[in-house]
């Protein structure tokens, strides 16, 4: 068994959670914090671990920090319900954790690791568009780390040295366009709140300019600069959808500000 705590938060994830838990069944500690799902999520989780807790939704960062707080191991792997740990990543984690344990006495061990993600959109691995390798800090020492308190796009902050792993996570995000639009509605609202929180004196006029220019820049960046055109129609749709998301977050910020 791999001496690492895997932590996952869930809400109505019966479609995803079984495959996620199957990919981490050989980790010593698996923690799930569920936000009172209305489907079979909790039932499926309990087939894999007895460390399933239910808590009211607190926001992404706080909910994930709650899950991290339940972890029993020194090392924590933060996983989303639509992600999978690959065999290559498992092997590398085992090697790195063992090596860091040996180096700890020499004060030269790492406290966190960035992991590359293979993001899938409409069933296809997106190799460009700024979506690969999409490094994200997910493996970290619990005692020197924590979730940054943000409304959306939360991240782990580690007090210590960090390194990069090569083995990827697989991320099965946005299985359909409707799935993207559903998530975009929630994320754009949270992003709008964060925009106003960071700059509360921002004028409605400046938001209108960003509403007009930022979506175009987002599309051009993803499709041309990040070579999304090499992902074909999937890259084109992704750039358009992200452009619309950018428009929506500034439009909602303007709506709240006006």
Protein backbone atom coordinates (compact mmCIF):
# COMPACT_ATOMS: atom_id res chain seq x y z
CA UNK A 1 0.00 0.00 0.00
CA UNK A 2 1.16 3.51 -0.81
CA UNK A 3 1.68 5.54 2.42
CA UNK A 4 -0.26 8.60 1.22
CA UNK A 5 -3.69 10.05 2.08
CA UNK A 6 -5.92 10.66 -0.95
CA UNK A 7 -8.58 13.30 -0.34
CA UNK A 8 -11.62 13.92 -2.57
CA UNK A 9 -14.66 16.19 -2.26
CA UNK A 10 -17.94 15.16 -3.89
CA UNK A 11 -21.45 16.30 -4.74
CA UNK A 12 -23.61 14.11 -6.99
CA UNK A 13 -20.62 12.39 -8.61
CA UNK A 14 -21.95 8.85 -9.11
CA UNK A 15 -20.86 8.93 -12.77
CA UNK A 16 -17.23 9.71 -11.90
CA UNK A 17 -16.41 8.65 -8.37
CA UNK A 18 -16.16 4.87 -8.89
CA UNK A 19 -13.36 5.17 -11.45
CA UNK A 20 -11.56 7.77 -9.32
CA UNK A 21 -11.61 5.52 -6.24
CA UNK A 22 -10.67 2.45 -8.26
CA UNK A 23 -7.51 4.28 -9.37
CA UNK A 24 -6.43 4.92 -5.74
CA UNK A 25 -7.53 1.71 -4.02
CA UNK A 26 -3.92 0.82 -3.21
CA UNK A 27 -3.32 4.00 -1.19
CA UNK A 28 -3.32 3.52 2.59
CA UNK A 29 -5.80 6.28 3.44
CA UNK A 30 -8.68 7.49 1.25
CA UNK A 31 -10.86 10.35 2.54
CA UNK A 32 -14.09 11.55 0.91
CA UNK A 33 -15.95 14.66 2.07
CA UNK A 34 -19.40 14.69 0.48
CA UNK A 35 -21.81 17.65 0.34
CA UNK A 36 -24.96 15.57 0.93
CA UNK A 37 -25.24 14.08 -2.56
CA UNK A 38 -28.69 13.19 -3.88
CA UNK A 39 -27.47 10.25 -5.96
CA UNK A 40 -25.46 7.06 -5.24
CA UNK A 41 -22.16 8.89 -4.61
CA UNK A 42 -21.91 8.04 -0.89
CA UNK A 43 -22.98 4.43 -1.46
CA UNK A 44 -20.25 3.97 -4.07
CA UNK A 45 -17.64 5.67 -1.89
CA UNK A 46 -18.34 3.34 1.02
CA UNK A 47 -17.54 0.37 -1.20
CA UNK A 48 -13.95 1.66 -1.29
CA UNK A 49 -13.39 3.39 2.06
CA UNK A 50 -15.03 3.77 5.45
CA UNK A 51 -13.58 7.30 5.74
CA UNK A 52 -16.56 9.06 4.17
CA UNK A 53 -17.74 12.28 5.84
CA UNK A 54 -20.64 14.57 4.99
CA UNK A 55 -20.37 18.32 5.43
CA UNK A 56 -22.45 21.25 4.18
CA UNK A 57 -20.87 23.05 1.21
CA UNK A 58 -18.39 25.73 2.34
CA UNK A 59 -16.89 26.73 -1.01
CA UNK A 60 -14.18 24.87 -2.95
CA UNK A 61 -11.15 25.92 -0.92
CA UNK A 62 -12.72 25.41 2.52
CA UNK A 63 -14.31 22.11 1.55
CA UNK A 64 -11.00 20.76 0.26
CA UNK A 65 -9.18 22.02 3.34
CA UNK A 66 -11.71 20.13 5.48
CA UNK A 67 -10.88 16.97 3.53
CA UNK A 68 -7.14 17.59 3.97
CA UNK A 69 -7.65 18.05 7.71
CA UNK A 70 -9.10 14.51 7.90
CA UNK A 71 -5.99 13.02 6.27
CA UNK A 72 -4.07 10.62 8.52
CA UNK A 73 -0.81 10.51 6.57
CA UNK A 74 1.94 13.08 6.36
CA UNK A 75 1.71 13.14 2.56
CA UNK A 76 -1.58 14.10 0.88
CA UNK A 77 -2.73 13.66 -2.71
CA UNK A 78 -5.61 15.99 -3.60
CA UNK A 79 -7.86 14.42 -6.25
CA UNK A 80 -11.03 15.56 -8.01
CA UNK A 81 -13.86 13.11 -8.65
CA UNK A 82 -13.33 13.35 -12.42
CA UNK A 83 -9.61 12.58 -12.19
CA UNK A 84 -7.73 9.26 -12.29
CA UNK A 85 -4.29 8.33 -10.96
CA UNK A 86 -2.33 6.51 -13.67
CA UNK A 87 -0.05 3.51 -12.98
CA UNK A 88 2.96 5.63 -13.97
CA UNK A 89 2.02 8.27 -11.41
CA UNK A 90 1.51 5.69 -8.66
CA UNK A 91 4.97 4.25 -9.28
CA UNK A 92 6.58 7.67 -9.25
CA UNK A 93 4.77 8.76 -6.08
CA UNK A 94 5.96 5.62 -4.29
CA UNK A 95 9.54 6.27 -5.39
CA UNK A 96 9.48 9.97 -4.47
CA UNK A 97 7.90 9.46 -1.05
CA UNK A 98 10.48 6.78 -0.23
CA UNK A 99 13.33 9.00 -1.43
CA UNK A 100 12.04 12.00 0.53
CA UNK A 101 11.80 9.93 3.69
CA UNK A 102 15.45 8.98 3.27
CA UNK A 103 16.49 12.59 2.56
CA UNK A 104 14.49 14.11 5.40
CA UNK A 105 17.35 13.70 7.86
CA UNK A 106 19.55 15.67 5.47
CA UNK A 107 17.03 18.57 5.28
CA UNK A 108 16.98 18.33 1.50
CA UNK A 109 13.58 16.78 0.86
CA UNK A 110 10.71 18.38 -1.09
CA UNK A 111 7.46 19.47 0.51
CA UNK A 112 5.30 19.42 -2.60
CA UNK A 113 5.11 18.11 -6.16
CA UNK A 114 3.48 19.45 -9.30
CA UNK A 115 1.68 16.77 -11.34
CA UNK A 116 0.90 17.05 -15.08
CA UNK A 117 -2.72 16.52 -16.10
CA UNK A 118 -4.00 14.95 -19.31
CA UNK A 119 -7.24 16.89 -19.81
CA UNK A 120 -9.99 15.29 -21.89
CA UNK A 121 -12.66 17.40 -23.61
CA UNK A 122 -15.62 15.64 -25.28
CA UNK A 123 -13.68 12.38 -24.93
CA UNK A 124 -10.47 13.63 -26.58
CA UNK A 125 -7.12 14.34 -24.93
CA UNK A 126 -6.32 18.01 -25.60
CA UNK A 127 -2.58 18.22 -26.31
CA UNK A 128 -2.43 21.97 -27.01
CA UNK A 129 -4.64 25.02 -26.22
CA UNK A 130 -2.62 25.54 -23.01
CA UNK A 131 -4.09 22.29 -21.63
CA UNK A 132 -0.97 20.14 -21.59
CA UNK A 133 0.97 19.46 -19.46
CA UNK A 134 -1.19 21.67 -17.17
CA UNK A 135 0.98 21.20 -14.07
CA UNK A 136 -0.92 21.48 -10.79
CA UNK A 137 0.39 21.09 -7.23
CA UNK A 138 -1.50 18.10 -5.81
CA UNK A 139 0.97 16.04 -3.76
CA UNK A 140 2.17 17.79 -0.59
CA UNK A 141 3.15 17.48 3.04
CA UNK A 142 0.12 18.18 5.19
CA UNK A 143 1.96 19.97 8.00
CA UNK A 144 3.44 22.69 5.77
CA UNK A 145 0.62 23.17 3.26
CA UNK A 146 -2.90 24.55 2.93
CA UNK A 147 -5.55 25.63 0.44
CA UNK A 148 -5.43 29.25 -0.67
CA UNK A 149 -8.76 30.88 0.32
CA UNK A 150 -10.16 31.71 -3.12
CA UNK A 151 -13.73 31.47 -4.44
CA UNK A 152 -12.69 29.60 -7.61
CA UNK A 153 -9.53 28.05 -9.11
CA UNK A 154 -8.26 27.35 -5.60
CA UNK A 155 -4.71 26.06 -5.24
CA UNK A 156 -2.44 24.45 -2.67
CA UNK A 157 0.18 26.70 -1.07
CA UNK A 158 3.28 24.88 0.20
CA UNK A 159 5.85 26.32 2.59
CA UNK A 160 8.95 24.53 1.33
CA UNK A 161 10.72 23.35 -1.80
CA UNK A 162 8.73 21.90 -4.70
CA UNK A 163 9.51 19.63 -7.64
CA UNK A 164 7.78 18.16 -10.71
CA UNK A 165 6.56 14.64 -11.41
CA UNK A 166 6.32 13.10 -14.88
CA UNK A 167 3.52 10.58 -14.38
CA UNK A 168 0.16 12.23 -15.22
CA UNK A 169 -3.27 12.47 -13.73
CA UNK A 170 -6.07 11.87 -16.23
CA UNK A 171 -8.79 14.51 -16.04
CA UNK A 172 -12.12 13.67 -17.69
CA UNK A 173 -13.63 17.14 -17.64
CA UNK A 174 -16.53 18.39 -19.79
CA UNK A 175 -17.85 15.15 -21.29
CA UNK A 176 -20.48 17.15 -23.22
CA UNK A 177 -20.96 20.79 -24.23
CA UNK A 178 -23.96 20.92 -21.89
CA UNK A 179 -21.66 19.79 -19.08
CA UNK A 180 -19.31 22.68 -19.83
CA UNK A 181 -22.14 25.22 -19.92
CA UNK A 182 -23.53 23.94 -16.62
CA UNK A 183 -20.16 24.28 -14.89
CA UNK A 184 -19.46 27.61 -16.61
CA UNK A 185 -22.58 29.12 -15.03
CA UNK A 186 -21.28 28.33 -11.55
CA UNK A 187 -17.60 29.14 -12.16
CA UNK A 188 -18.34 32.48 -13.86
CA UNK A 189 -20.45 33.60 -10.89
CA UNK A 190 -17.64 32.76 -8.46
CA UNK A 191 -15.05 34.40 -10.75
CA UNK A 192 -17.16 37.59 -10.92
CA UNK A 193 -17.28 37.74 -7.13
CA UNK A 194 -13.50 37.32 -6.97
CA UNK A 195 -12.95 40.08 -9.55
CA UNK A 196 -14.90 42.54 -7.39
CA UNK A 197 -13.29 41.29 -4.19
CA UNK A 198 -9.79 41.90 -5.56
CA UNK A 199 -10.66 45.35 -6.92
CA UNK A 200 -13.79 46.72 -5.21
CA UNK A 201 -13.31 50.23 -6.66
CA UNK A 202 -13.24 48.94 -10.24
CA UNK A 203 -15.57 51.07 -12.40
CA UNK A 204 -18.41 49.66 -14.53
CA UNK A 205 -16.79 51.25 -17.59
CA UNK A 206 -13.53 49.30 -17.11
CA UNK A 207 -15.56 46.10 -16.78
CA UNK A 208 -17.34 46.88 -20.06
CA UNK A 209 -13.97 47.27 -21.81
CA UNK A 210 -12.80 43.94 -20.35
CA UNK A 211 -16.11 42.38 -21.34
CA UNK A 212 -15.46 43.45 -24.93
CA UNK A 213 -11.74 42.74 -25.24
CA UNK A 214 -10.88 39.84 -22.93
CA UNK A 215 -13.03 37.17 -24.70
CA UNK A 216 -11.34 37.94 -28.02
CA UNK A 217 -7.90 37.79 -26.43
CA UNK A 218 -8.78 34.49 -24.72
CA UNK A 219 -9.85 32.94 -28.01
CA UNK A 220 -6.76 34.17 -29.90
CA UNK A 221 -4.44 33.01 -27.12
CA UNK A 222 -5.90 29.50 -26.90
CA UNK A 223 -6.48 28.87 -30.59
CA UNK A 224 -3.42 30.53 -32.14
CA UNK A 225 -0.73 31.30 -29.52
CA UNK A 226 -1.29 28.02 -27.61
CA UNK A 227 -1.86 26.23 -30.94
CA UNK A 228 -5.37 25.02 -30.20
CA UNK A 229 -5.88 24.70 -33.95
CA UNK A 230 -3.75 21.55 -33.74
CA UNK A 231 -6.52 20.00 -31.61
CA UNK A 232 -8.91 20.40 -34.54
CA UNK A 233 -12.59 21.11 -33.99
CA UNK A 234 -12.17 20.28 -30.30
CA UNK A 235 -9.57 23.04 -29.97
CA UNK A 236 -11.82 25.49 -31.80
CA UNK A 237 -14.85 24.74 -29.60
CA UNK A 238 -12.74 24.95 -26.47
CA UNK A 239 -11.37 28.38 -27.42
CA UNK A 240 -14.87 29.67 -28.22
CA UNK A 241 -16.32 28.33 -24.97
CA UNK A 242 -13.48 29.77 -22.88
CA UNK A 243 -13.92 33.10 -24.64
CA UNK A 244 -17.60 33.06 -23.70
CA UNK A 245 -16.73 32.14 -20.11
CA UNK A 246 -14.39 35.16 -19.97
CA UNK A 247 -17.17 37.39 -21.28
CA UNK A 248 -19.64 35.97 -18.78
CA UNK A 249 -17.48 36.53 -15.69
CA UNK A 250 -16.93 40.20 -16.56
CA UNK A 251 -20.59 40.64 -17.51
CA UNK A 252 -21.66 39.24 -14.14
CA UNK A 253 -19.12 41.45 -12.35
CA UNK A 254 -20.56 44.47 -14.22
CA UNK A 255 -24.10 43.38 -13.31
CA UNK A 256 -23.20 43.20 -9.61
CA UNK A 257 -21.27 46.48 -9.76
CA UNK A 258 -23.76 48.53 -11.75
